[in-house]
């Protein structure tokens, strides 16, 4: 499987996880502020910006190791730009999460 297809499958798995928990998908793979937002979801009065990372094996470490300080800074910058373009969501409780998709399951970690 190519890396782009693997990445798409990992993001579909994260999307499904949120949908099954009552979240509405607002956007996937959108660019804002010069950076890409993997997944933006909403449930009630909360909007969550998600950085999705996945690994198909254990050879290169854990997916959460790829979410460093710079990645979080870019996520915040992109989210701010997206919220400016979507002012209805700017009034909501804004959260940030990293989603680690592994062969054994999925883990959501607040950022």
N, C-alpha and C. Protein backbone atom coordinates (compact mmCIF):
# COMPACT_ATOMS: atom_id res chain seq x y z
N UNK A 1 0.85 -1.17 0.00
CA UNK A 1 0.00 0.00 0.00
C UNK A 1 0.89 1.23 0.00
N UNK A 2 0.61 2.21 -0.84
CA UNK A 2 1.42 3.42 -0.90
C UNK A 2 1.21 4.26 0.34
N UNK A 3 2.17 5.15 0.62
CA UNK A 3 2.08 5.96 1.83
C UNK A 3 0.89 6.91 1.79
N UNK A 4 0.53 7.43 0.60
CA UNK A 4 -0.63 8.32 0.51
C UNK A 4 -1.92 7.56 0.78
N UNK A 5 -2.01 6.32 0.31
CA UNK A 5 -3.21 5.52 0.59
C UNK A 5 -3.25 5.12 2.07
N UNK A 6 -2.08 4.82 2.63
CA UNK A 6 -2.01 4.49 4.05
C UNK A 6 -2.44 5.68 4.88
N UNK A 7 -1.94 6.87 4.54
CA UNK A 7 -2.32 8.08 5.26
C UNK A 7 -3.81 8.36 5.17
N UNK A 8 -4.38 8.17 3.99
CA UNK A 8 -5.83 8.38 3.81
C UNK A 8 -6.62 7.38 4.65
N UNK A 9 -6.16 6.14 4.71
CA UNK A 9 -6.85 5.13 5.52
C UNK A 9 -6.78 5.46 7.00
N UNK A 10 -5.65 5.97 7.45
CA UNK A 10 -5.49 6.37 8.85
C UNK A 10 -6.44 7.52 9.18
N UNK A 11 -6.53 8.50 8.29
CA UNK A 11 -7.43 9.63 8.53
C UNK A 11 -8.90 9.20 8.47
N UNK A 12 -9.25 8.26 7.60
CA UNK A 12 -10.63 7.74 7.58
C UNK A 12 -10.97 7.04 8.89
N UNK A 13 -10.01 6.33 9.43
CA UNK A 13 -10.23 5.63 10.70
C UNK A 13 -10.48 6.64 11.83
N UNK A 14 -9.69 7.71 11.86
CA UNK A 14 -9.90 8.76 12.87
C UNK A 14 -11.25 9.44 12.68
N UNK A 15 -11.61 9.71 11.43
CA UNK A 15 -12.90 10.34 11.13
C UNK A 15 -14.04 9.46 11.62
N UNK A 16 -13.95 8.19 11.35
CA UNK A 16 -14.99 7.24 11.79
C UNK A 16 -15.10 7.21 13.31
N UNK A 17 -13.96 7.25 13.97
CA UNK A 17 -13.94 7.25 15.44
C UNK A 17 -14.76 8.43 15.98
N UNK A 18 -14.52 9.61 15.44
CA UNK A 18 -15.25 10.79 15.90
C UNK A 18 -16.74 10.70 15.56
N UNK A 19 -17.05 10.28 14.34
CA UNK A 19 -18.46 10.16 13.95
C UNK A 19 -19.23 9.22 14.88
N UNK A 20 -18.63 8.10 15.21
CA UNK A 20 -19.28 7.13 16.08
C UNK A 20 -19.51 7.68 17.49
N UNK A 21 -18.81 8.73 17.85
CA UNK A 21 -18.96 9.34 19.16
C UNK A 21 -19.80 10.63 19.10
N UNK A 22 -20.51 10.81 18.00
CA UNK A 22 -21.45 11.92 17.90
C UNK A 22 -20.89 13.24 17.41
N UNK A 23 -19.68 13.24 16.91
CA UNK A 23 -19.10 14.46 16.37
C UNK A 23 -19.52 14.65 14.91
N UNK A 24 -19.67 15.88 14.53
CA UNK A 24 -19.93 16.22 13.13
C UNK A 24 -18.60 16.64 12.51
N UNK A 25 -18.32 16.12 11.35
CA UNK A 25 -17.07 16.45 10.66
C UNK A 25 -17.26 17.78 9.94
N UNK A 26 -16.49 18.79 10.33
CA UNK A 26 -16.58 20.10 9.70
C UNK A 26 -15.65 20.23 8.50
N UNK A 27 -14.46 19.62 8.60
CA UNK A 27 -13.50 19.71 7.50
C UNK A 27 -12.43 18.64 7.66
N UNK A 28 -11.88 18.25 6.50
CA UNK A 28 -10.76 17.31 6.46
C UNK A 28 -9.72 17.85 5.50
N UNK A 29 -8.48 17.80 5.92
CA UNK A 29 -7.35 18.20 5.07
C UNK A 29 -7.54 19.57 4.44
N UNK A 30 -7.82 20.57 5.25
CA UNK A 30 -7.96 21.94 4.75
C UNK A 30 -6.71 22.74 5.11
N UNK A 31 -6.42 23.71 4.26
CA UNK A 31 -5.27 24.57 4.49
C UNK A 31 -5.75 25.91 5.04
N UNK A 32 -5.07 26.37 6.08
CA UNK A 32 -5.38 27.67 6.67
C UNK A 32 -4.11 28.20 7.32
N UNK A 33 -3.84 29.46 7.14
CA UNK A 33 -2.65 30.06 7.75
C UNK A 33 -1.35 29.46 7.26
N UNK A 34 -1.37 28.85 6.09
CA UNK A 34 -0.17 28.25 5.52
C UNK A 34 0.11 26.83 5.97
N UNK A 35 -0.81 26.25 6.76
CA UNK A 35 -0.61 24.89 7.26
C UNK A 35 -1.86 24.06 7.05
N UNK A 36 -1.69 22.75 7.04
CA UNK A 36 -2.82 21.86 6.85
C UNK A 36 -3.42 21.43 8.18
N UNK A 37 -4.76 21.43 8.22
CA UNK A 37 -5.49 20.89 9.35
C UNK A 37 -6.03 19.53 8.93
N UNK A 38 -5.67 18.49 9.64
CA UNK A 38 -6.07 17.13 9.27
C UNK A 38 -7.57 16.92 9.42
N UNK A 39 -8.10 17.33 10.56
CA UNK A 39 -9.49 17.03 10.87
C UNK A 39 -10.04 18.09 11.82
N UNK A 40 -11.22 18.61 11.49
CA UNK A 40 -11.92 19.55 12.37
C UNK A 40 -13.29 18.96 12.63
N UNK A 41 -13.61 18.77 13.91
CA UNK A 41 -14.87 18.13 14.28
C UNK A 41 -15.60 19.00 15.32
N UNK A 42 -16.91 18.77 15.39
CA UNK A 42 -17.71 19.53 16.35
C UNK A 42 -18.75 18.63 17.00
N UNK A 43 -18.93 18.83 18.29
CA UNK A 43 -20.02 18.19 19.01
C UNK A 43 -20.53 19.21 20.01
N UNK A 44 -21.80 19.58 19.85
CA UNK A 44 -22.38 20.57 20.74
C UNK A 44 -21.65 21.89 20.64
N UNK A 45 -21.25 22.42 21.78
CA UNK A 45 -20.56 23.71 21.81
C UNK A 45 -19.06 23.61 21.77
N UNK A 46 -18.53 22.50 21.28
CA UNK A 46 -17.09 22.29 21.23
C UNK A 46 -16.63 22.01 19.81
N UNK A 47 -15.56 22.66 19.40
CA UNK A 47 -14.91 22.37 18.13
C UNK A 47 -13.51 21.87 18.45
N UNK A 48 -13.11 20.80 17.77
CA UNK A 48 -11.82 20.17 18.05
C UNK A 48 -10.98 20.14 16.77
N UNK A 49 -9.76 20.64 16.88
CA UNK A 49 -8.80 20.58 15.79
C UNK A 49 -7.88 19.40 16.08
N UNK A 50 -7.82 18.47 15.13
CA UNK A 50 -7.12 17.20 15.36
C UNK A 50 -5.92 17.06 14.43
N UNK A 51 -4.81 16.70 15.01
CA UNK A 51 -3.63 16.32 14.26
C UNK A 51 -3.59 14.80 14.26
N UNK A 52 -3.76 14.19 13.10
CA UNK A 52 -3.86 12.74 12.99
C UNK A 52 -2.50 12.17 12.58
N UNK A 53 -2.01 11.23 13.37
CA UNK A 53 -0.74 10.56 13.07
C UNK A 53 -0.95 9.07 13.21
N UNK A 54 -0.34 8.33 12.33
CA UNK A 54 -0.50 6.88 12.39
C UNK A 54 0.73 6.15 11.95
N UNK A 55 0.82 4.92 12.41
CA UNK A 55 1.90 4.01 12.01
C UNK A 55 1.29 2.66 11.73
N UNK A 56 1.81 2.00 10.73
CA UNK A 56 1.32 0.66 10.41
C UNK A 56 2.15 -0.42 11.11
N UNK A 57 3.26 -0.01 11.71
CA UNK A 57 4.11 -0.95 12.43
C UNK A 57 4.84 -0.23 13.54
N UNK A 58 5.76 -0.93 14.19
CA UNK A 58 6.48 -0.33 15.32
C UNK A 58 7.92 0.05 14.98
N UNK A 59 8.31 -0.12 13.74
CA UNK A 59 9.71 0.08 13.36
C UNK A 59 10.20 1.51 13.56
N UNK A 60 9.34 2.51 13.43
CA UNK A 60 9.79 3.90 13.48
C UNK A 60 9.26 4.65 14.69
N UNK A 61 8.91 3.96 15.74
CA UNK A 61 8.46 4.64 16.95
C UNK A 61 6.95 4.85 16.99
N UNK A 62 6.53 5.60 17.97
CA UNK A 62 5.11 5.85 18.21
C UNK A 62 4.63 7.07 17.43
N UNK A 63 3.38 7.06 16.95
CA UNK A 63 2.87 8.21 16.20
C UNK A 63 2.90 9.52 16.98
N UNK A 64 2.69 9.46 18.29
CA UNK A 64 2.67 10.69 19.08
C UNK A 64 4.04 11.36 19.16
N UNK A 65 5.10 10.62 18.90
CA UNK A 65 6.44 11.21 18.88
C UNK A 65 6.59 12.22 17.75
N UNK A 66 5.73 12.14 16.75
CA UNK A 66 5.81 13.07 15.61
C UNK A 66 5.11 14.39 15.90
N UNK A 67 4.39 14.48 17.00
CA UNK A 67 3.68 15.72 17.35
C UNK A 67 4.55 16.48 18.36
N UNK A 68 5.43 17.29 17.81
CA UNK A 68 6.36 18.04 18.62
C UNK A 68 5.85 19.48 18.84
N UNK A 69 6.64 20.27 19.52
CA UNK A 69 6.26 21.65 19.83
C UNK A 69 5.98 22.47 18.57
N UNK A 70 6.78 22.29 17.53
CA UNK A 70 6.58 23.01 16.27
C UNK A 70 5.27 22.60 15.61
N UNK A 71 4.94 21.32 15.63
CA UNK A 71 3.69 20.83 15.04
C UNK A 71 2.50 21.44 15.78
N UNK A 72 2.58 21.53 17.10
CA UNK A 72 1.49 22.12 17.89
C UNK A 72 1.35 23.60 17.57
N UNK A 73 2.47 24.30 17.43
CA UNK A 73 2.44 25.73 17.06
C UNK A 73 1.76 25.93 15.72
N UNK A 74 2.08 25.09 14.75
CA UNK A 74 1.45 25.18 13.43
C UNK A 74 -0.04 24.86 13.49
N UNK A 75 -0.41 23.89 14.30
CA UNK A 75 -1.82 23.54 14.46
C UNK A 75 -2.60 24.73 15.02
N UNK A 76 -2.05 25.40 16.02
CA UNK A 76 -2.71 26.57 16.61
C UNK A 76 -2.82 27.71 15.59
N UNK A 77 -1.77 27.92 14.84
CA UNK A 77 -1.78 28.99 13.84
C UNK A 77 -2.83 28.72 12.76
N UNK A 78 -2.87 27.50 12.27
CA UNK A 78 -3.85 27.13 11.25
C UNK A 78 -5.27 27.22 11.80
N UNK A 79 -5.47 26.77 13.03
CA UNK A 79 -6.80 26.83 13.65
C UNK A 79 -7.27 28.26 13.79
N UNK A 80 -6.38 29.15 14.20
CA UNK A 80 -6.73 30.56 14.34
C UNK A 80 -7.16 31.13 12.99
N UNK A 81 -6.43 30.82 11.94
CA UNK A 81 -6.79 31.31 10.60
C UNK A 81 -8.13 30.72 10.16
N UNK A 82 -8.36 29.44 10.45
CA UNK A 82 -9.63 28.81 10.06
C UNK A 82 -10.80 29.44 10.81
N UNK A 83 -10.61 29.73 12.09
CA UNK A 83 -11.68 30.33 12.89
C UNK A 83 -12.02 31.74 12.41
N UNK A 84 -11.04 32.47 11.90
CA UNK A 84 -11.30 33.81 11.33
C UNK A 84 -12.23 33.67 10.13
N UNK A 85 -12.04 32.63 9.32
CA UNK A 85 -12.89 32.40 8.14
C UNK A 85 -14.22 31.76 8.50
N UNK A 86 -14.34 31.23 9.70
CA UNK A 86 -15.56 30.55 10.15
C UNK A 86 -15.98 31.12 11.51
N UNK A 87 -16.42 32.37 11.55
CA UNK A 87 -16.68 33.04 12.81
C UNK A 87 -17.75 32.39 13.68
N UNK A 88 -18.66 31.62 13.09
CA UNK A 88 -19.67 30.92 13.90
C UNK A 88 -19.00 29.98 14.89
N UNK A 89 -17.94 29.33 14.46
CA UNK A 89 -17.23 28.38 15.32
C UNK A 89 -16.30 29.08 16.31
N UNK A 90 -15.95 30.33 16.05
CA UNK A 90 -15.04 31.06 16.93
C UNK A 90 -15.64 31.26 18.32
N UNK A 91 -16.95 31.21 18.43
CA UNK A 91 -17.63 31.39 19.71
C UNK A 91 -17.69 30.10 20.53
N UNK A 92 -17.28 29.00 19.96
CA UNK A 92 -17.36 27.70 20.63
C UNK A 92 -16.13 27.46 21.50
N UNK A 93 -16.22 26.45 22.34
CA UNK A 93 -15.09 25.98 23.14
C UNK A 93 -14.13 25.29 22.18
N UNK A 94 -12.92 25.80 22.04
CA UNK A 94 -11.95 25.27 21.08
C UNK A 94 -10.97 24.35 21.81
N UNK A 95 -10.78 23.16 21.25
CA UNK A 95 -9.84 22.18 21.81
C UNK A 95 -8.90 21.70 20.71
N UNK A 96 -7.77 21.17 21.15
CA UNK A 96 -6.78 20.61 20.23
C UNK A 96 -6.44 19.21 20.70
N UNK A 97 -6.38 18.28 19.76
CA UNK A 97 -6.07 16.89 20.08
C UNK A 97 -5.12 16.30 19.05
N UNK A 98 -4.28 15.40 19.52
CA UNK A 98 -3.51 14.55 18.63
C UNK A 98 -4.20 13.20 18.65
N UNK A 99 -4.35 12.61 17.47
CA UNK A 99 -4.98 11.30 17.36
C UNK A 99 -3.92 10.34 16.84
N UNK A 100 -3.58 9.38 17.67
CA UNK A 100 -2.58 8.37 17.30
C UNK A 100 -3.32 7.11 16.86
N UNK A 101 -3.12 6.75 15.60
CA UNK A 101 -3.74 5.54 15.07
C UNK A 101 -2.64 4.49 14.95
N UNK A 102 -2.86 3.41 15.69
CA UNK A 102 -1.88 2.31 15.72
C UNK A 102 -2.56 1.02 15.29
N UNK A 103 -1.79 0.00 14.96
CA UNK A 103 -2.41 -1.28 14.58
C UNK A 103 -3.37 -1.82 15.64
N UNK A 104 -3.09 -1.57 16.92
CA UNK A 104 -3.93 -2.09 17.99
C UNK A 104 -5.08 -1.19 18.42
N UNK A 105 -5.17 0.02 17.89
CA UNK A 105 -6.24 0.91 18.32
C UNK A 105 -5.96 2.37 18.02
N UNK A 106 -6.75 3.21 18.64
CA UNK A 106 -6.69 4.65 18.41
C UNK A 106 -6.66 5.34 19.77
N UNK A 107 -5.84 6.37 19.89
CA UNK A 107 -5.74 7.12 21.14
C UNK A 107 -5.84 8.61 20.85
N UNK A 108 -6.70 9.30 21.61
CA UNK A 108 -6.85 10.75 21.51
C UNK A 108 -6.14 11.38 22.70
N UNK A 109 -5.27 12.36 22.41
CA UNK A 109 -4.50 13.02 23.46
C UNK A 109 -4.71 14.53 23.35
N UNK A 110 -5.17 15.17 24.43
CA UNK A 110 -5.32 16.62 24.39
C UNK A 110 -3.95 17.29 24.23
N UNK A 111 -3.92 18.37 23.48
CA UNK A 111 -2.68 19.13 23.30
C UNK A 111 -2.75 20.45 24.06
